[in-house]
PDBML (XML) file of the C-alpha atoms, coordinates in Angstrom:
<?xml version="1.0" encoding="UTF-8" ?>
<PDBx:datablock datablockName="MODEL"
   xmlns:PDBx="http://pdbml.pdb.org/schema/pdbx-v50.xsd"
   xmlns:xsi="http://www.w3.org/2001/XMLSchema-instance"
   xsi:schemaLocation="http://pdbml.pdb.org/schema/pdbx-v50.xsd pdbx-v50.xsd">
   <PDBx:atom_siteCategory>
      <PDBx:atom_site id="1">
         <PDBx:B_iso_or_equiv>0.00</PDBx:B_iso_or_equiv>
         <PDBx:Cartn_x>22.213</PDBx:Cartn_x>
         <PDBx:Cartn_y>-36.454</PDBx:Cartn_y>
         <PDBx:Cartn_z>-45.516</PDBx:Cartn_z>
         <PDBx:auth_asym_id>A</PDBx:auth_asym_id>
         <PDBx:auth_atom_id>CA</PDBx:auth_atom_id>
         <PDBx:auth_comp_id>UNK</PDBx:auth_comp_id>
         <PDBx:auth_seq_id>1</PDBx:auth_seq_id>
         <PDBx:group_PDB>ATOM</PDBx:group_PDB>
         <PDBx:label_alt_id xsi:nil="true" />
         <PDBx:label_asym_id>A</PDBx:label_asym_id>
         <PDBx:label_atom_id>CA</PDBx:label_atom_id>
         <PDBx:label_comp_id>UNK</PDBx:label_comp_id>
         <PDBx:label_entity_id>1</PDBx:label_entity_id>
         <PDBx:label_seq_id>1</PDBx:label_seq_id>
         <PDBx:occupancy>1.00</PDBx:occupancy>
         <PDBx:pdbx_PDB_model_num>1</PDBx:pdbx_PDB_model_num>
         <PDBx:type_symbol>C</PDBx:type_symbol>
      </PDBx:atom_site>
      <PDBx:atom_site id="2">
         <PDBx:B_iso_or_equiv>0.00</PDBx:B_iso_or_equiv>
         <PDBx:Cartn_x>25.646</PDBx:Cartn_x>
         <PDBx:Cartn_y>-35.976</PDBx:Cartn_y>
         <PDBx:Cartn_z>-47.073</PDBx:Cartn_z>
         <PDBx:auth_asym_id>A</PDBx:auth_asym_id>
         <PDBx:auth_atom_id>CA</PDBx:auth_atom_id>
         <PDBx:auth_comp_id>UNK</PDBx:auth_comp_id>
         <PDBx:auth_seq_id>2</PDBx:auth_seq_id>
         <PDBx:group_PDB>ATOM</PDBx:group_PDB>
         <PDBx:label_alt_id xsi:nil="true" />
         <PDBx:label_asym_id>A</PDBx:label_asym_id>
         <PDBx:label_atom_id>CA</PDBx:label_atom_id>
         <PDBx:label_comp_id>UNK</PDBx:label_comp_id>
         <PDBx:label_entity_id>1</PDBx:label_entity_id>
         <PDBx:label_seq_id>2</PDBx:label_seq_id>
         <PDBx:occupancy>1.00</PDBx:occupancy>
         <PDBx:pdbx_PDB_model_num>1</PDBx:pdbx_PDB_model_num>
         <PDBx:type_symbol>C</PDBx:type_symbol>
      </PDBx:atom_site>
      <PDBx:atom_site id="3">
         <PDBx:B_iso_or_equiv>0.00</PDBx:B_iso_or_equiv>
         <PDBx:Cartn_x>27.106</PDBx:Cartn_x>
         <PDBx:Cartn_y>-34.336</PDBx:Cartn_y>
         <PDBx:Cartn_z>-43.981</PDBx:Cartn_z>
         <PDBx:auth_asym_id>A</PDBx:auth_asym_id>
         <PDBx:auth_atom_id>CA</PDBx:auth_atom_id>
         <PDBx:auth_comp_id>UNK</PDBx:auth_comp_id>
         <PDBx:auth_seq_id>3</PDBx:auth_seq_id>
         <PDBx:group_PDB>ATOM</PDBx:group_PDB>
         <PDBx:label_alt_id xsi:nil="true" />
         <PDBx:label_asym_id>A</PDBx:label_asym_id>
         <PDBx:label_atom_id>CA</PDBx:label_atom_id>
         <PDBx:label_comp_id>UNK</PDBx:label_comp_id>
         <PDBx:label_entity_id>1</PDBx:label_entity_id>
         <PDBx:label_seq_id>3</PDBx:label_seq_id>
         <PDBx:occupancy>1.00</PDBx:occupancy>
         <PDBx:pdbx_PDB_model_num>1</PDBx:pdbx_PDB_model_num>
         <PDBx:type_symbol>C</PDBx:type_symbol>
      </PDBx:atom_site>
      <PDBx:atom_site id="4">
         <PDBx:B_iso_or_equiv>0.00</PDBx:B_iso_or_equiv>
         <PDBx:Cartn_x>25.389</PDBx:Cartn_x>
         <PDBx:Cartn_y>-36.248</PDBx:Cartn_y>
         <PDBx:Cartn_z>-41.176</PDBx:Cartn_z>
         <PDBx:auth_asym_id>A</PDBx:auth_asym_id>
         <PDBx:auth_atom_id>CA</PDBx:auth_atom_id>
         <PDBx:auth_comp_id>UNK</PDBx:auth_comp_id>
         <PDBx:auth_seq_id>4</PDBx:auth_seq_id>
         <PDBx:group_PDB>ATOM</PDBx:group_PDB>
         <PDBx:label_alt_id xsi:nil="true" />
         <PDBx:label_asym_id>A</PDBx:label_asym_id>
         <PDBx:label_atom_id>CA</PDBx:label_atom_id>
         <PDBx:label_comp_id>UNK</PDBx:label_comp_id>
         <PDBx:label_entity_id>1</PDBx:label_entity_id>
         <PDBx:label_seq_id>4</PDBx:label_seq_id>
         <PDBx:occupancy>1.00</PDBx:occupancy>
         <PDBx:pdbx_PDB_model_num>1</PDBx:pdbx_PDB_model_num>
         <PDBx:type_symbol>C</PDBx:type_symbol>
      </PDBx:atom_site>
      <PDBx:atom_site id="5">
         <PDBx:B_iso_or_equiv>0.00</PDBx:B_iso_or_equiv>
         <PDBx:Cartn_x>24.814</PDBx:Cartn_x>
         <PDBx:Cartn_y>-39.703</PDBx:Cartn_y>
         <PDBx:Cartn_z>-42.638</PDBx:Cartn_z>
         <PDBx:auth_asym_id>A</PDBx:auth_asym_id>
         <PDBx:auth_atom_id>CA</PDBx:auth_atom_id>
         <PDBx:auth_comp_id>UNK</PDBx:auth_comp_id>
         <PDBx:auth_seq_id>5</PDBx:auth_seq_id>
         <PDBx:group_PDB>ATOM</PDBx:group_PDB>
         <PDBx:label_alt_id xsi:nil="true" />
         <PDBx:label_asym_id>A</PDBx:label_asym_id>
         <PDBx:label_atom_id>CA</PDBx:label_atom_id>
         <PDBx:label_comp_id>UNK</PDBx:label_comp_id>
         <PDBx:label_entity_id>1</PDBx:label_entity_id>
         <PDBx:label_seq_id>5</PDBx:label_seq_id>
         <PDBx:occupancy>1.00</PDBx:occupancy>
         <PDBx:pdbx_PDB_model_num>1</PDBx:pdbx_PDB_model_num>
         <PDBx:type_symbol>C</PDBx:type_symbol>
      </PDBx:atom_site>
      <PDBx:atom_site id="6">
         <PDBx:B_iso_or_equiv>0.00</PDBx:B_iso_or_equiv>
         <PDBx:Cartn_x>27.221</PDBx:Cartn_x>
         <PDBx:Cartn_y>-40.268</PDBx:Cartn_y>
         <PDBx:Cartn_z>-45.542</PDBx:Cartn_z>
         <PDBx:auth_asym_id>A</PDBx:auth_asym_id>
         <PDBx:auth_atom_id>CA</PDBx:auth_atom_id>
         <PDBx:auth_comp_id>UNK</PDBx:auth_comp_id>
         <PDBx:auth_seq_id>6</PDBx:auth_seq_id>
         <PDBx:group_PDB>ATOM</PDBx:group_PDB>
         <PDBx:label_alt_id xsi:nil="true" />
         <PDBx:label_asym_id>A</PDBx:label_asym_id>
         <PDBx:label_atom_id>CA</PDBx:label_atom_id>
         <PDBx:label_comp_id>UNK</PDBx:label_comp_id>
         <PDBx:label_entity_id>1</PDBx:label_entity_id>
         <PDBx:label_seq_id>6</PDBx:label_seq_id>
         <PDBx:occupancy>1.00</PDBx:occupancy>
         <PDBx:pdbx_PDB_model_num>1</PDBx:pdbx_PDB_model_num>
         <PDBx:type_symbol>C</PDBx:type_symbol>
      </PDBx:atom_site>
      <PDBx:atom_site id="7">
         <PDBx:B_iso_or_equiv>0.00</PDBx:B_iso_or_equiv>
         <PDBx:Cartn_x>30.369</PDBx:Cartn_x>
         <PDBx:Cartn_y>-38.590</PDBx:Cartn_y>
         <PDBx:Cartn_z>-44.240</PDBx:Cartn_z>
         <PDBx:auth_asym_id>A</PDBx:auth_asym_id>
         <PDBx:auth_atom_id>CA</PDBx:auth_atom_id>
         <PDBx:auth_comp_id>UNK</PDBx:auth_comp_id>
         <PDBx:auth_seq_id>7</PDBx:auth_seq_id>
         <PDBx:group_PDB>ATOM</PDBx:group_PDB>
         <PDBx:label_alt_id xsi:nil="true" />
         <PDBx:label_asym_id>A</PDBx:label_asym_id>
         <PDBx:label_atom_id>CA</PDBx:label_atom_id>
         <PDBx:label_comp_id>UNK</PDBx:label_comp_id>
         <PDBx:label_entity_id>1</PDBx:label_entity_id>
         <PDBx:label_seq_id>7</PDBx:label_seq_id>
         <PDBx:occupancy>1.00</PDBx:occupancy>
         <PDBx:pdbx_PDB_model_num>1</PDBx:pdbx_PDB_model_num>
         <PDBx:type_symbol>C</PDBx:type_symbol>
      </PDBx:atom_site>
      <PDBx:atom_site id="8">
         <PDBx:B_iso_or_equiv>0.00</PDBx:B_iso_or_equiv>
         <PDBx:Cartn_x>30.579</PDBx:Cartn_x>
         <PDBx:Cartn_y>-40.755</PDBx:Cartn_y>
         <PDBx:Cartn_z>-41.089</PDBx:Cartn_z>
         <PDBx:auth_asym_id>A</PDBx:auth_asym_id>
         <PDBx:auth_atom_id>CA</PDBx:auth_atom_id>
         <PDBx:auth_comp_id>UNK</PDBx:auth_comp_id>
         <PDBx:auth_seq_id>8</PDBx:auth_seq_id>
         <PDBx:group_PDB>ATOM</PDBx:group_PDB>
         <PDBx:label_alt_id xsi:nil="true" />
         <PDBx:label_asym_id>A</PDBx:label_asym_id>
         <PDBx:label_atom_id>CA</PDBx:label_atom_id>
         <PDBx:label_comp_id>UNK</PDBx:label_comp_id>
         <PDBx:label_entity_id>1</PDBx:label_entity_id>
         <PDBx:label_seq_id>8</PDBx:label_seq_id>
         <PDBx:occupancy>1.00</PDBx:occupancy>
         <PDBx:pdbx_PDB_model_num>1</PDBx:pdbx_PDB_model_num>
         <PDBx:type_symbol>C</PDBx:type_symbol>
      </PDBx:atom_site>
      <PDBx:atom_site id="9">
         <PDBx:B_iso_or_equiv>0.00</PDBx:B_iso_or_equiv>
         <PDBx:Cartn_x>30.421</PDBx:Cartn_x>
         <PDBx:Cartn_y>-43.877</PDBx:Cartn_y>
         <PDBx:Cartn_z>-43.278</PDBx:Cartn_z>
         <PDBx:auth_asym_id>A</PDBx:auth_asym_id>
         <PDBx:auth_atom_id>CA</PDBx:auth_atom_id>
         <PDBx:auth_comp_id>UNK</PDBx:auth_comp_id>
         <PDBx:auth_seq_id>9</PDBx:auth_seq_id>
         <PDBx:group_PDB>ATOM</PDBx:group_PDB>
         <PDBx:label_alt_id xsi:nil="true" />
         <PDBx:label_asym_id>A</PDBx:label_asym_id>
         <PDBx:label_atom_id>CA</PDBx:label_atom_id>
         <PDBx:label_comp_id>UNK</PDBx:label_comp_id>
         <PDBx:label_entity_id>1</PDBx:label_entity_id>
         <PDBx:label_seq_id>9</PDBx:label_seq_id>
         <PDBx:occupancy>1.00</PDBx:occupancy>
         <PDBx:pdbx_PDB_model_num>1</PDBx:pdbx_PDB_model_num>
         <PDBx:type_symbol>C</PDBx:type_symbol>
      </PDBx:atom_site>
      <PDBx:atom_site id="10">
         <PDBx:B_iso_or_equiv>0.00</PDBx:B_iso_or_equiv>
         <PDBx:Cartn_x>33.281</PDBx:Cartn_x>
         <PDBx:Cartn_y>-42.644</PDBx:Cartn_y>
         <PDBx:Cartn_z>-45.474</PDBx:Cartn_z>
         <PDBx:auth_asym_id>A</PDBx:auth_asym_id>
         <PDBx:auth_atom_id>CA</PDBx:auth_atom_id>
         <PDBx:auth_comp_id>UNK</PDBx:auth_comp_id>
         <PDBx:auth_seq_id>10</PDBx:auth_seq_id>
         <PDBx:group_PDB>ATOM</PDBx:group_PDB>
         <PDBx:label_alt_id xsi:nil="true" />
         <PDBx:label_asym_id>A</PDBx:label_asym_id>
         <PDBx:label_atom_id>CA</PDBx:label_atom_id>
         <PDBx:label_comp_id>UNK</PDBx:label_comp_id>
         <PDBx:label_entity_id>1</PDBx:label_entity_id>
         <PDBx:label_seq_id>10</PDBx:label_seq_id>
         <PDBx:occupancy>1.00</PDBx:occupancy>
         <PDBx:pdbx_PDB_model_num>1</PDBx:pdbx_PDB_model_num>
         <PDBx:type_symbol>C</PDBx:type_symbol>
      </PDBx:atom_site>
      <PDBx:atom_site id="11">
         <PDBx:B_iso_or_equiv>0.00</PDBx:B_iso_or_equiv>
         <PDBx:Cartn_x>35.263</PDBx:Cartn_x>
         <PDBx:Cartn_y>-41.579</PDBx:Cartn_y>
         <PDBx:Cartn_z>-42.404</PDBx:Cartn_z>
         <PDBx:auth_asym_id>A</PDBx:auth_asym_id>
         <PDBx:auth_atom_id>CA</PDBx:auth_atom_id>
         <PDBx:auth_comp_id>UNK</PDBx:auth_comp_id>
         <PDBx:auth_seq_id>11</PDBx:auth_seq_id>
         <PDBx:group_PDB>ATOM</PDBx:group_PDB>
         <PDBx:label_alt_id xsi:nil="true" />
         <PDBx:label_asym_id>A</PDBx:label_asym_id>
         <PDBx:label_atom_id>CA</PDBx:label_atom_id>
         <PDBx:label_comp_id>UNK</PDBx:label_comp_id>
         <PDBx:label_entity_id>1</PDBx:label_entity_id>
         <PDBx:label_seq_id>11</PDBx:label_seq_id>
         <PDBx:occupancy>1.00</PDBx:occupancy>
         <PDBx:pdbx_PDB_model_num>1</PDBx:pdbx_PDB_model_num>
         <PDBx:type_symbol>C</PDBx:type_symbol>
      </PDBx:atom_site>
      <PDBx:atom_site id="12">
         <PDBx:B_iso_or_equiv>0.00</PDBx:B_iso_or_equiv>
         <PDBx:Cartn_x>34.996</PDBx:Cartn_x>
         <PDBx:Cartn_y>-45.147</PDBx:Cartn_y>
         <PDBx:Cartn_z>-41.107</PDBx:Cartn_z>
         <PDBx:auth_asym_id>A</PDBx:auth_asym_id>
         <PDBx:auth_atom_id>CA</PDBx:auth_atom_id>
         <PDBx:auth_comp_id>UNK</PDBx:auth_comp_id>
         <PDBx:auth_seq_id>12</PDBx:auth_seq_id>
         <PDBx:group_PDB>ATOM</PDBx:group_PDB>
         <PDBx:label_alt_id xsi:nil="true" />
         <PDBx:label_asym_id>A</PDBx:label_asym_id>
         <PDBx:label_atom_id>CA</PDBx:label_atom_id>
         <PDBx:label_comp_id>UNK</PDBx:label_comp_id>
         <PDBx:label_entity_id>1</PDBx:label_entity_id>
         <PDBx:label_seq_id>12</PDBx:label_seq_id>
         <PDBx:occupancy>1.00</PDBx:occupancy>
         <PDBx:pdbx_PDB_model_num>1</PDBx:pdbx_PDB_model_num>
         <PDBx:type_symbol>C</PDBx:type_symbol>
      </PDBx:atom_site>
      <PDBx:atom_site id="13">
         <PDBx:B_iso_or_equiv>0.00</PDBx:B_iso_or_equiv>
         <PDBx:Cartn_x>36.121</PDBx:Cartn_x>
         <PDBx:Cartn_y>-46.644</PDBx:Cartn_y>
         <PDBx:Cartn_z>-44.432</PDBx:Cartn_z>
         <PDBx:auth_asym_id>A</PDBx:auth_asym_id>
         <PDBx:auth_atom_id>CA</PDBx:auth_atom_id>
         <PDBx:auth_comp_id>UNK</PDBx:auth_comp_id>
         <PDBx:auth_seq_id>13</PDBx:auth_seq_id>
         <PDBx:group_PDB>ATOM</PDBx:group_PDB>
         <PDBx:label_alt_id xsi:nil="true" />
         <PDBx:label_asym_id>A</PDBx:label_asym_id>
         <PDBx:label_atom_id>CA</PDBx:label_atom_id>
         <PDBx:label_comp_id>UNK</PDBx:label_comp_id>
         <PDBx:label_entity_id>1</PDBx:label_entity_id>
         <PDBx:label_seq_id>13</PDBx:label_seq_id>
         <PDBx:occupancy>1.00</PDBx:occupancy>
         <PDBx:pdbx_PDB_model_num>1</PDBx:pdbx_PDB_model_num>
         <PDBx:type_symbol>C</PDBx:type_symbol>
      </PDBx:atom_site>
      <PDBx:atom_site id="14">
         <PDBx:B_iso_or_equiv>0.00</PDBx:B_iso_or_equiv>
         <PDBx:Cartn_x>39.302</PDBx:Cartn_x>
         <PDBx:Cartn_y>-44.659</PDBx:Cartn_y>
         <PDBx:Cartn_z>-45.108</PDBx:Cartn_z>
         <PDBx:auth_asym_id>A</PDBx:auth_asym_id>
         <PDBx:auth_atom_id>CA</PDBx:auth_atom_id>
         <PDBx:auth_comp_id>UNK</PDBx:auth_comp_id>
         <PDBx:auth_seq_id>14</PDBx:auth_seq_id>
         <PDBx:group_PDB>ATOM</PDBx:group_PDB>
         <PDBx:label_alt_id xsi:nil="true" />
         <PDBx:label_asym_id>A</PDBx:label_asym_id>
         <PDBx:label_atom_id>CA</PDBx:label_atom_id>
         <PDBx:label_comp_id>UNK</PDBx:label_comp_id>
         <PDBx:label_entity_id>1</PDBx:label_entity_id>
         <PDBx:label_seq_id>14</PDBx:label_seq_id>
         <PDBx:occupancy>1.00</PDBx:occupancy>
         <PDBx:pdbx_PDB_model_num>1</PDBx:pdbx_PDB_model_num>
         <PDBx:type_symbol>C</PDBx:type_symbol>
      </PDBx:atom_site>
      <PDBx:atom_site id="15">
         <PDBx:B_iso_or_equiv>0.00</PDBx:B_iso_or_equiv>
         <PDBx:Cartn_x>41.633</PDBx:Cartn_x>
         <PDBx:Cartn_y>-42.230</PDBx:Cartn_y>
         <PDBx:Cartn_z>-43.394</PDBx:Cartn_z>
         <PDBx:auth_asym_id>A</PDBx:auth_asym_id>
         <PDBx:auth_atom_id>CA</PDBx:auth_atom_id>
         <PDBx:auth_comp_id>UNK</PDBx:auth_comp_id>
         <PDBx:auth_seq_id>15</PDBx:auth_seq_id>
         <PDBx:group_PDB>ATOM</PDBx:group_PDB>
         <PDBx:label_alt_id xsi:nil="true" />
         <PDBx:label_asym_id>A</PDBx:label_asym_id>
         <PDBx:label_atom_id>CA</PDBx:label_atom_id>
         <PDBx:label_comp_id>UNK</PDBx:label_comp_id>
         <PDBx:label_entity_id>1</PDBx:label_entity_id>
         <PDBx:label_seq_id>15</PDBx:label_seq_id>
         <PDBx:occupancy>1.00</PDBx:occupancy>
         <PDBx:pdbx_PDB_model_num>1</PDBx:pdbx_PDB_model_num>
         <PDBx:type_symbol>C</PDBx:type_symbol>
      </PDBx:atom_site>
      <PDBx:atom_site id="16">
         <PDBx:B_iso_or_equiv>0.00</PDBx:B_iso_or_equiv>
         <PDBx:Cartn_x>40.145</PDBx:Cartn_x>
         <PDBx:Cartn_y>-38.832</PDBx:Cartn_y>
         <PDBx:Cartn_z>-44.293</PDBx:Cartn_z>
         <PDBx:auth_asym_id>A</PDBx:auth_asym_id>
         <PDBx:auth_atom_id>CA</PDBx:auth_atom_id>
         <PDBx:auth_comp_id>UNK</PDBx:auth_comp_id>
         <PDBx:auth_seq_id>16</PDBx:auth_seq_id>
         <PDBx:group_PDB>ATOM</PDBx:group_PDB>
         <PDBx:label_alt_id xsi:nil="true" />
         <PDBx:label_asym_id>A</PDBx:label_asym_id>
         <PDBx:label_atom_id>CA</PDBx:label_atom_id>
         <PDBx:label_comp_id>UNK</PDBx:label_comp_id>
         <PDBx:label_entity_id>1</PDBx:label_entity_id>
         <PDBx:label_seq_id>16</PDBx:label_seq_id>
         <PDBx:occupancy>1.00</PDBx:occupancy>
         <PDBx:pdbx_PDB_model_num>1</PDBx:pdbx_PDB_model_num>
         <PDBx:type_symbol>C</PDBx:type_symbol>
      </PDBx:atom_site>
      <PDBx:atom_site id="17">
         <PDBx:B_iso_or_equiv>0.00</PDBx:B_iso_or_equiv>
         <PDBx:Cartn_x>41.787</PDBx:Cartn_x>
         <PDBx:Cartn_y>-35.421</PDBx:Cartn_y>
         <PDBx:Cartn_z>-44.505</PDBx:Cartn_z>
         <PDBx:auth_asym_id>A</PDBx:auth_asym_id>
         <PDBx:auth_atom_id>CA</PDBx:auth_atom_id>
         <PDBx:auth_comp_id>UNK</PDBx:auth_comp_id>
         <PDBx:auth_seq_id>17</PDBx:auth_seq_id>
         <PDBx:group_PDB>ATOM</PDBx:group_PDB>
         <PDBx:label_alt_id xsi:nil="true" />
         <PDBx:label_asym_id>A</PDBx:label_asym_id>
         <PDBx:label_atom_id>CA</PDBx:label_atom_id>
         <PDBx:label_comp_id>UNK</PDBx:label_comp_id>
         <PDBx:label_entity_id>1</PDBx:label_entity_id>
         <PDBx:label_seq_id>17</PDBx:label_seq_id>
         <PDBx:occupancy>1.00</PDBx:occupancy>
         <PDBx:pdbx_PDB_model_num>1</PDBx:pdbx_PDB_model_num>
         <PDBx:type_symbol>C</PDBx:type_symbol>
      </PDBx:atom_site>
      <PDBx:atom_site id="18">
         <PDBx:B_iso_or_equiv>0.00</PDBx:B_iso_or_equiv>
         <PDBx:Cartn_x>38.902</PDBx:Cartn_x>
         <PDBx:Cartn_y>-33.427</PDBx:Cartn_y>
         <PDBx:Cartn_z>-43.059</PDBx:Cartn_z>
         <PDBx:auth_asym_id>A</PDBx:auth_asym_id>
         <PDBx:auth_atom_id>CA</PDBx:auth_atom_id>
         <PDBx:auth_comp_id>UNK</PDBx:auth_comp_id>
         <PDBx:auth_seq_id>18</PDBx:auth_seq_id>
         <PDBx:group_PDB>ATOM</PDBx:group_PDB>
         <PDBx:label_alt_id xsi:nil="true" />
         <PDBx:label_asym_id>A</PDBx:label_asym_id>
         <PDBx:label_atom_id>CA</PDBx:label_atom_id>
         <PDBx:label_comp_id>UNK</PDBx:label_comp_id>
         <PDBx:label_entity_id>1</PDBx:label_entity_id>
         <PDBx:label_seq_id>18</PDBx:label_seq_id>
         <PDBx:occupancy>1.00</PDBx:occupancy>
         <PDBx:pdbx_PDB_model_num>1</PDBx:pdbx_PDB_model_num>
         <PDBx:type_symbol>C</PDBx:type_symbol>
      </PDBx:atom_site>
      <PDBx:atom_site id="19">
         <PDBx:B_iso_or_equiv>0.00</PDBx:B_iso_or_equiv>
         <PDBx:Cartn_x>40.440</PDBx:Cartn_x>
         <PDBx:Cartn_y>-30.208</PDBx:Cartn_y>
         <PDBx:Cartn_z>-44.359</PDBx:Cartn_z>
         <PDBx:auth_asym_id>A</PDBx:auth_asym_id>
         <PDBx:auth_atom_id>CA</PDBx:auth_atom_id>
         <PDBx:auth_comp_id>UNK</PDBx:auth_comp_id>
         <PDBx:auth_seq_id>19</PDBx:auth_seq_id>
         <PDBx:group_PDB>ATOM</PDBx:group_PDB>
         <PDBx:label_alt_id xsi:nil="true" />
         <PDBx:label_asym_id>A</PDBx:label_asym_id>
         <PDBx:label_atom_id>CA</PDBx:label_atom_id>
         <PDBx:label_comp_id>UNK</PDBx:label_comp_id>
         <PDBx:label_entity_id>1</PDBx:label_entity_id>
         <PDBx:label_seq_id>19</PDBx:label_seq_id>
         <PDBx:occupancy>1.00</PDBx:occupancy>
         <PDBx:pdbx_PDB_model_num>1</PDBx:pdbx_PDB_model_num>
         <PDBx:type_symbol>C</PDBx:type_symbol>
      </PDBx:atom_site>
      <PDBx:atom_site id="20">
         <PDBx:B_iso_or_equiv>0.00</PDBx:B_iso_or_equiv>
         <PDBx:Cartn_x>40.560</PDBx:Cartn_x>
         <PDBx:Cartn_y>-31.387</PDBx:Cartn_y>
         <PDBx:Cartn_z>-47.974</PDBx:Cartn_z>
         <PDBx:auth_asym_id>A</PDBx:auth_asym_id>
         <PDBx:auth_atom_id>CA</PDBx:auth_atom_id>
         <PDBx:auth_comp_id>UNK</PDBx:auth_comp_id>
         <PDBx:auth_seq_id>20</PDBx:auth_seq_id>
         <PDBx:group_PDB>ATOM</PDBx:group_PDB>
         <PDBx:label_alt_id xsi:nil="true" />
         <PDBx:label_asym_id>A</PDBx:label_asym_id>
         <PDBx:label_atom_id>CA</PDBx:label_atom_id>
         <PDBx:label_comp_id>UNK</PDBx:label_comp_id>
         <PDBx:label_entity_id>1</PDBx:label_entity_id>
         <PDBx:label_seq_id>20</PDBx:label_seq_id>
         <PDBx:occupancy>1.00</PDBx:occupancy>
         <PDBx:pdbx_PDB_model_num>1</PDBx:pdbx_PDB_model_num>
         <PDBx:type_symbol>C</PDBx:type_symbol>
      </PDBx:atom_site>
      <PDBx:atom_site id="21">
         <PDBx:B_iso_or_equiv>0.00</PDBx:B_iso_or_equiv>
         <PDBx:Cartn_x>37.066</PDBx:Cartn_x>
         <PDBx:Cartn_y>-32.394</PDBx:Cartn_y>
         <PDBx:Cartn_z>-49.025</PDBx:Cartn_z>
         <PDBx:auth_asym_id>A</PDBx:auth_asym_id>
         <PDBx:auth_atom_id>CA</PDBx:auth_atom_id>
         <PDBx:auth_comp_id>UNK</PDBx:auth_comp_id>
         <PDBx:auth_seq_id>21</PDBx:auth_seq_id>
         <PDBx:group_PDB>ATOM</PDBx:group_PDB>
         <PDBx:label_alt_id xsi:nil="true" />
         <PDBx:label_asym_id>A</PDBx:label_asym_id>
         <PDBx:label_atom_id>CA</PDBx:label_atom_id>
         <PDBx:label_comp_id>UNK</PDBx:label_comp_id>
         <PDBx:label_entity_id>1</PDBx:label_entity_id>
         <PDBx:label_seq_id>21</PDBx:label_seq_id>
         <PDBx:occupancy>1.00</PDBx:occupancy>
         <PDBx:pdbx_PDB_model_num>1</PDBx:pdbx_PDB_model_num>
         <PDBx:type_symbol>C</PDBx:type_symbol>
      </PDBx:atom_site>
      <PDBx:atom_site id="22">
         <PDBx:B_iso_or_equiv>0.00</PDBx:B_iso_or_equiv>
         <PDBx:Cartn_x>35.447</PDBx:Cartn_x>
         <PDBx:Cartn_y>-31.367</PDBx:Cartn_y>
         <PDBx:Cartn_z>-52.304</PDBx:Cartn_z>
         <PDBx:auth_asym_id>A</PDBx:auth_asym_id>
         <PDBx:auth_atom_id>CA</PDBx:auth_atom_id>
         <PDBx:auth_comp_id>UNK</PDBx:auth_comp_id>
         <PDBx:auth_seq_id>22</PDBx:auth_seq_id>
         <PDBx:group_PDB>ATOM</PDBx:group_PDB>
         <PDBx:label_alt_id xsi:nil="true" />
         <PDBx:label_asym_id>A</PDBx:label_asym_id>
         <PDBx:label_atom_id>CA</PDBx:label_atom_id>
         <PDBx:label_comp_id>UNK</PDBx:label_comp_id>
         <PDBx:label_entity_id>1</PDBx:label_entity_id>
         <PDBx:label_seq_id>22</PDBx:label_seq_id>
         <PDBx:occupancy>1.00</PDBx:occupancy>
         <PDBx:pdbx_PDB_model_num>1</PDBx:pdbx_PDB_model_num>
         <PDBx:type_symbol>C</PDBx:type_symbol>
      </PDBx:atom_site>
      <PDBx:atom_site id="23">
         <PDBx:B_iso_or_equiv>0.00</PDBx:B_iso_or_equiv>
         <PDBx:Cartn_x>32.024</PDBx:Cartn_x>
         <PDBx:Cartn_y>-31.212</PDBx:Cartn_y>
         <PDBx:Cartn_z>-53.945</PDBx:Cartn_z>
         <PDBx:auth_asym_id>A</PDBx:auth_asym_id>
         <PDBx:auth_atom_id>CA</PDBx:auth_atom_id>
         <PDBx:auth_comp_id>UNK</PDBx:auth_comp_id>
         <PDBx:auth_seq_id>23</PDBx:auth_seq_id>
         <PDBx:group_PDB>ATOM</PDBx:group_PDB>
         <PDBx:label_alt_id xsi:nil="true" />
         <PDBx:label_asym_id>A</PDBx:label_asym_id>
         <PDBx:label_atom_id>CA</PDBx:label_atom_id>
         <PDBx:label_comp_id>UNK</PDBx:label_comp_id>
         <PDBx:label_entity_id>1</PDBx:label_entity_id>
         <PDBx:label_seq_id>23</PDBx:label_seq_id>
         <PDBx:occupancy>1.00</PDBx:occupancy>
         <PDBx:pdbx_PDB_model_num>1</PDBx:pdbx_PDB_model_num>
         <PDBx:type_symbol>C</PDBx:type_symbol>
      </PDBx:atom_site>
      <PDBx:atom_site id="24">
         <PDBx:B_iso_or_equiv>0.00</PDBx:B_iso_or_equiv>
         <PDBx:Cartn_x>31.372</PDBx:Cartn_x>
         <PDBx:Cartn_y>-31.628</PDBx:Cartn_y>
         <PDBx:Cartn_z>-57.674</PDBx:Cartn_z>
         <PDBx:auth_asym_id>A</PDBx:auth_asym_id>
         <PDBx:auth_atom_id>CA</PDBx:auth_atom_id>
         <PDBx:auth_comp_id>UNK</PDBx:auth_comp_id>
         <PDBx:auth_seq_id>24</PDBx:auth_seq_id>
         <PDBx:group_PDB>ATOM</PDBx:group_PDB>
         <PDBx:label_alt_id xsi:nil="true" />
         <PDBx:label_asym_id>A</PDBx:label_asym_id>
         <PDBx:label_atom_id>CA</PDBx:label_atom_id>
         <PDBx:label_comp_id>UNK</PDBx:label_comp_id>
         <PDBx:label_entity_id>1</PDBx:label_entity_id>
         <PDBx:label_seq_id>24</PDBx:label_seq_id>
         <PDBx:occupancy>1.00</PDBx:occupancy>
         <PDBx:pdbx_PDB_model_num>1</PDBx:pdbx_PDB_model_num>
         <PDBx:type_symbol>C</PDBx:type_symbol>
      </PDBx:atom_site>
      <PDBx:atom_site id="25">
         <PDBx:B_iso_or_equiv>0.00</PDBx:B_iso_or_equiv>
         <PDBx:Cartn_x>28.038</PDBx:Cartn_x>
         <PDBx:Cartn_y>-31.177</PDBx:Cartn_y>
         <PDBx:Cartn_z>-59.435</PDBx:Cartn_z>
         <PDBx:auth_asym_id>A</PDBx:auth_asym_id>
         <PDBx:auth_atom_id>CA</PDBx:auth_atom_id>
         <PDBx:auth_comp_id>UNK</PDBx:auth_comp_id>
         <PDBx:auth_seq_id>25</PDBx:auth_seq_id>
         <PDBx:group_PDB>ATOM</PDBx:group_PDB>
         <PDBx:label_alt_id xsi:nil="true" />
         <PDBx:label_asym_id>A</PDBx:label_asym_id>
         <PDBx:label_atom_id>CA</PDBx:label_atom_id>
         <PDBx:label_comp_id>UNK</PDBx:label_comp_id>
         <PDBx:label_entity_id>1</PDBx:label_entity_id>
         <PDBx:label_seq_id>25</PDBx:label_seq_id>
         <PDBx:occupancy>1.00</PDBx:occupancy>
         <PDBx:pdbx_PDB_model_num>1</PDBx:pdbx_PDB_model_num>
         <PDBx:type_symbol>C</PDBx:type_symbol>
      </PDBx:atom_site>
   </PDBx:atom_siteCategory>
</PDBx:datablock>
């Protein structure tokens, strides 16, 4: 869900550096 459904939404909202993404849990 995070990769296939959420990421495209964020990519459409802001200019994304696809090589600088992080995960925190």
